[in-house]
C-alpha atoms as a PDB file:
ATOM      1  CA  MET A   1      90.683  73.214  59.080  1.00  0.00           C
ATOM      2  CA  PHE A   2      90.780  71.380  55.786  1.00  0.00           C
ATOM      3  CA  ARG A   3      91.791  74.502  54.234  1.00  0.00           C
ATOM      4  CA  SER A   4      95.072  74.990  56.439  1.00  0.00           C
ATOM      5  CA  ILE A   5      95.517  71.356  55.595  1.00  0.00           C
ATOM      6  CA  GLY A   6      95.628  71.743  52.064  1.00  0.00           C
ATOM      7  CA  ILE A   7      97.828  75.063  52.317  1.00  0.00           C
ATOM      8  CA  GLY A   8     100.246  73.133  54.562  1.00  0.00           C
ATOM      9  CA  VAL A   9     100.483  70.197  52.021  1.00  0.00           C
ATOM     10  CA  ALA A  10     101.078  72.938  49.104  1.00  0.00           C
ATOM     11  CA  LEU A  11     103.913  74.837  51.034  1.00  0.00           C
ATOM     12  CA  THR A  12     105.580  71.592  51.603  1.00  0.00           C
ATOM     13  CA  ALA A  13     105.547  70.533  48.120  1.00  0.00           C
ATOM     14  CA  VAL A  14     106.817  73.917  47.073  1.00  0.00           C
ATOM     15  CA  SER A  15     109.716  73.815  49.396  1.00  0.00           C
ATOM     16  CA  PHE A  16     110.610  70.212  48.449  1.00  0.00           C
ATOM     17  CA  ALA A  17     110.769  71.467  44.910  1.00  0.00           C
ATOM     18  CA  VAL A  18     112.667  74.521  45.921  1.00  0.00           C
ATOM     19  CA  GLY A  19     115.260  72.031  47.484  1.00  0.00           C
ATOM     20  CA  ALA A  20     115.485  69.618  44.804  1.00  0.00           C
ATOM     21  CA  GLY A  21     116.836  72.501  42.015  1.00  0.00           C
ATOM     22  CA  GLY A  22     120.827  72.808  41.759  1.00  0.00           C
ATOM     23  CA  THR A  23     123.169  75.342  40.746  1.00  0.00           C
ATOM     24  CA  SER A  24     126.876  75.529  39.867  1.00  0.00           C
ATOM     25  CA  TRP A  25     129.728  77.494  40.331  1.00  0.00           C
ATOM     26  CA  PRO A  26     132.936  78.263  38.477  1.00  0.00           C
ATOM     27  CA  VAL A  27     136.066  76.553  39.839  1.00  0.00           C
ATOM     28  CA  ASN A  28     139.622  76.186  39.471  1.00  0.00           C
ATOM     29  CA  VAL A  29     140.534  72.449  40.384  1.00  0.00           C
ATOM     30  CA  VAL A  30     143.783  72.578  42.335  1.00  0.00           C
ATOM     31  CA  GLU A  31     144.050  69.175  43.650  1.00  0.00           C
ATOM     32  CA  VAL A  32     142.026  65.776  43.385  1.00  0.00           C
ATOM     33  CA  VAL A  33     143.324  62.709  45.804  1.00  0.00           C
ATOM     34  CA  ARG A  34     141.901  59.299  45.187  1.00  0.00           C
ATOM     35  CA  GLY A  35     141.391  57.381  48.215  1.00  0.00           C
ATOM     36  CA  ASP A  36     140.111  53.870  48.992  1.00  0.00           C
ATOM     37  CA  HIS A  37     136.671  52.974  47.931  1.00  0.00           C
ATOM     38  CA  ASP A  38     136.238  55.412  45.429  1.00  0.00           C
ATOM     39  CA  SER A  39     136.382  58.048  48.088  1.00  0.00           C
ATOM     40  CA  ALA A  40     138.558  61.224  47.350  1.00  0.00           C
ATOM     41  CA  THR A  41     139.563  64.863  48.292  1.00  0.00           C
ATOM     42  CA  VAL A  42     138.733  67.663  45.817  1.00  0.00           C
ATOM     43  CA  VAL A  43     140.462  71.029  46.715  1.00  0.00           C
ATOM     44  CA  ILE A  44     139.074  73.889  44.398  1.00  0.00           C
ATOM     45  CA  THR A  45     139.140  77.646  44.439  1.00  0.00           C
ATOM     46  CA  SER A  46     136.555  80.280  43.286  1.00  0.00           C
ATOM     47  CA  GLN A  47     135.907  84.242  43.239  1.00  0.00           C
ATOM     48  CA  ASP A  48     132.171  83.432  43.034  1.00  0.00           C
ATOM     49  CA  PRO A  49     130.410  85.224  46.217  1.00  0.00           C
ATOM     50  CA  GLU A  50     127.553  83.205  45.874  1.00  0.00           C
ATOM     51  CA  ALA A  51     129.161  79.964  46.306  1.00  0.00           C
ATOM     52  CA  PRO A  52     128.688  78.186  49.461  1.00  0.00           C
ATOM     53  CA  TRP A  53     132.748  78.399  49.792  1.00  0.00           C
ATOM     54  CA  ALA A  54     132.763  82.210  49.500  1.00  0.00           C
ATOM     55  CA  GLY A  55     135.315  83.533  51.770  1.00  0.00           C
ATOM     56  CA  CYS A  56     137.565  80.607  51.344  1.00  0.00           C
ATOM     57  CA  ASP A  57     140.802  80.598  49.885  1.00  0.00           C
ATOM     58  CA  ARG A  58     140.486  77.106  49.387  1.00  0.00           C
ATOM     59  CA  ALA A  59     137.634  74.884  49.820  1.00  0.00           C
ATOM     60  CA  ILE A  60     137.972  71.081  50.540  1.00  0.00           C
ATOM     61  CA  ILE A  61     135.350  68.782  49.394  1.00  0.00           C
ATOM     62  CA  ARG A  62     135.661  65.141  51.163  1.00  0.00           C
ATOM     63  CA  VAL A  63     133.731  62.754  48.617  1.00  0.00           C
ATOM     64  CA  LYS A  64     132.900  59.162  49.959  1.00  0.00           C
ATOM     65  CA  PHE A  65     130.878  57.181  47.328  1.00  0.00           C
ATOM     66  CA  GLU A  66     127.574  55.806  48.926  1.00  0.00           C
ATOM     67  CA  ARG A  67     124.764  54.458  46.661  1.00  0.00           C
ATOM     68  CA  GLU A  68     121.309  56.335  47.036  1.00  0.00           C
ATOM     69  CA  ALA A  69     118.323  54.860  49.310  1.00  0.00           C
ATOM     70  CA  ARG A  70     117.710  50.865  48.339  1.00  0.00           C
ATOM     71  CA  LEU A  71     113.805  52.121  47.779  1.00  0.00           C
ATOM     72  CA  ILE A  72     115.157  54.549  45.033  1.00  0.00           C
ATOM     73  CA  GLN A  73     117.641  52.148  43.387  1.00  0.00           C
ATOM     74  CA  GLN A  74     114.784  49.291  43.388  1.00  0.00           C
ATOM     75  CA  LEU A  75     112.246  52.107  41.571  1.00  0.00           C
ATOM     76  CA  THR A  76     114.466  53.520  39.051  1.00  0.00           C
ATOM     77  CA  PRO A  77     116.168  51.791  35.985  1.00  0.00           C
ATOM     78  CA  ALA A  78     119.202  53.866  36.140  1.00  0.00           C
ATOM     79  CA  PRO A  79     122.716  52.169  35.470  1.00  0.00           C
ATOM     80  CA  SER A  80     124.860  51.847  38.245  1.00  0.00           C
ATOM     81  CA  LEU A  81     125.924  55.106  39.784  1.00  0.00           C
ATOM     82  CA  LEU A  82     129.642  54.443  40.331  1.00  0.00           C
ATOM     83  CA  PRO A  83     130.633  54.373  36.697  1.00  0.00           C
ATOM     84  CA  LYS A  84     129.223  57.995  36.701  1.00  0.00           C
ATOM     85  CA  HIS A  85     130.969  58.820  39.989  1.00  0.00           C
ATOM     86  CA  ARG A  86     134.424  57.631  38.745  1.00  0.00           C
ATOM     87  CA  GLU A  87     134.051  59.674  35.358  1.00  0.00           C
ATOM     88  CA  ALA A  88     133.341  62.873  37.531  1.00  0.00           C
ATOM     89  CA  LEU A  89     136.489  62.176  39.798  1.00  0.00           C
ATOM     90  CA  ALA A  90     138.534  61.573  36.392  1.00  0.00           C
ATOM     91  CA  SER A  91     136.979  64.585  34.631  1.00  0.00           C
ATOM     92  CA  LEU A  92     137.979  66.822  37.917  1.00  0.00           C
ATOM     93  CA  ALA A  93     141.551  65.511  37.900  1.00  0.00           C
ATOM     94  CA  ALA A  94     142.015  66.162  34.449  1.00  0.00           C
ATOM     95  CA  ALA A  95     140.681  69.614  34.561  1.00  0.00           C
ATOM     96  CA  LYS A  96     143.410  70.563  37.287  1.00  0.00           C
ATOM     97  CA  GLY A  97     144.505  74.382  36.168  1.00  0.00           C
ATOM     98  CA  ALA A  98     142.005  74.333  33.466  1.00  0.00           C
ATOM     99  CA  THR A  99     139.400  77.146  32.687  1.00  0.00           C
ATOM    100  CA  GLY A 100     135.405  76.455  32.251  1.00  0.00           C
ATOM    101  CA  VAL A 101     135.264  74.235  34.911  1.00  0.00           C
ATOM    102  CA  ARG A 102     131.854  74.520  37.401  1.00  0.00           C
ATOM    103  CA  PHE A 103     131.232  72.533  40.696  1.00  0.00           C
ATOM    104  CA  GLY A 104     127.580  72.471  41.907  1.00  0.00           C
ATOM    105  CA  GLU A 105     125.263  70.681  43.861  1.00  0.00           C
ATOM    106  CA  ILE A 106     121.755  69.322  43.285  1.00  0.00           C
ATOM    107  CA  GLY A 107     119.411  69.360  46.185  1.00  0.00           C
ATOM    108  CA  THR A 108     121.629  69.763  49.279  1.00  0.00           C
ATOM    109  CA  GLY A 109     124.631  67.666  47.825  1.00  0.00           C
ATOM    110  CA  LEU A 110     127.152  69.538  49.883  1.00  0.00           C
ATOM    111  CA  LYS A 111     127.023  69.531  53.602  1.00  0.00           C
ATOM    112  CA  ARG A 112     129.266  71.476  55.690  1.00  0.00           C
ATOM    113  CA  SER A 113     131.341  69.145  57.700  1.00  0.00           C
ATOM    114  CA  GLY A 114     131.946  71.403  60.861  1.00  0.00           C
ATOM    115  CA  VAL A 115     135.471  72.639  59.807  1.00  0.00           C
ATOM    116  CA  ARG A 116     135.832  75.858  58.023  1.00  0.00           C
ATOM    117  CA  CYS A 117     135.993  75.734  54.037  1.00  0.00           C
ATOM    118  CA  GLU A 118     135.255  72.052  54.293  1.00  0.00           C
ATOM    119  CA  PHE A 119     132.074  70.248  52.382  1.00  0.00           C
ATOM    120  CA  LEU A 120     131.094  66.376  52.509  1.00  0.00           C
ATOM    121  CA  SER A 121     129.520  64.556  49.583  1.00  0.00           C
ATOM    122  CA  LYS A 122     128.316  61.469  48.852  1.00  0.00           C
ATOM    123  CA  ARG A 123     128.634  60.940  45.165  1.00  0.00           C
ATOM    124  CA  LEU A 124     129.675  63.242  42.168  1.00  0.00           C
ATOM    125  CA  GLU A 125     128.441  63.160  38.427  1.00  0.00           C
ATOM    126  CA  LEU A 126     129.390  64.742  35.426  1.00  0.00           C
ATOM    127  CA  LEU A 127     126.443  66.599  33.678  1.00  0.00           C
ATOM    128  CA  GLU A 128     125.961  67.071  29.903  1.00  0.00           C
ATOM    129  CA  GLU A 129     124.103  69.534  27.889  1.00  0.00           C
ATOM    130  CA  PRO A 130     121.203  68.365  25.865  1.00  0.00           C
ATOM    131  CA  GLY A 131     122.531  66.579  22.841  1.00  0.00           C
ATOM    132  CA  GLY A 132     125.468  65.206  24.696  1.00  0.00           C
ATOM    133  CA  ARG A 133     127.726  67.917  24.453  1.00  0.00           C
ATOM    134  CA  PRO A 134     129.928  68.243  27.542  1.00  0.00           C
ATOM    135  CA  LEU A 135     128.966  71.070  30.167  1.00  0.00           C
ATOM    136  CA  ASN A 136     132.086  70.727  32.407  1.00  0.00           C
ATOM    137  CA  SER A 137     130.016  70.604  35.352  1.00  0.00           C
ATOM    138  CA  VAL A 138     130.133  68.283  37.918  1.00  0.00           C
ATOM    139  CA  VAL A 139     127.886  68.154  40.779  1.00  0.00           C
ATOM    140  CA  SER A 140     127.608  66.573  44.403  1.00  0.00           C
ATOM    141  CA  HIS A 141     124.658  64.558  45.728  1.00  0.00           C
ATOM    142  CA  GLN A 142     123.828  64.236  49.138  1.00  0.00           C
END
């Protein structure tokens, strides 16, 4: 019995570790429309067959800024997430028509809205490579 409980806990830990990873895909930014309260609608195109929006002519990502859960906010000394979110939105807007832009997710960063080719995100963040060099990758958090 204890062996089966140990195996169950190990499998759960592995599944959380896998779900916490992230990935990104090359995209073309078509449009970024800012809304109220740091919300935005981001329209992208991508030919990557592995992306969540594969098969869509355009993907619409509706972003409504939300902070992390209160417990996580209290445990992490990270600066406010809002400036990072705003920086990512500005970066996407500036990248309209540019090449080398990537959009990704960390964990379950993009949720399907129920409408074909439409996704929901709670927050965006611009990632950098080690050493501070820009990576041109915006990731969605859920």
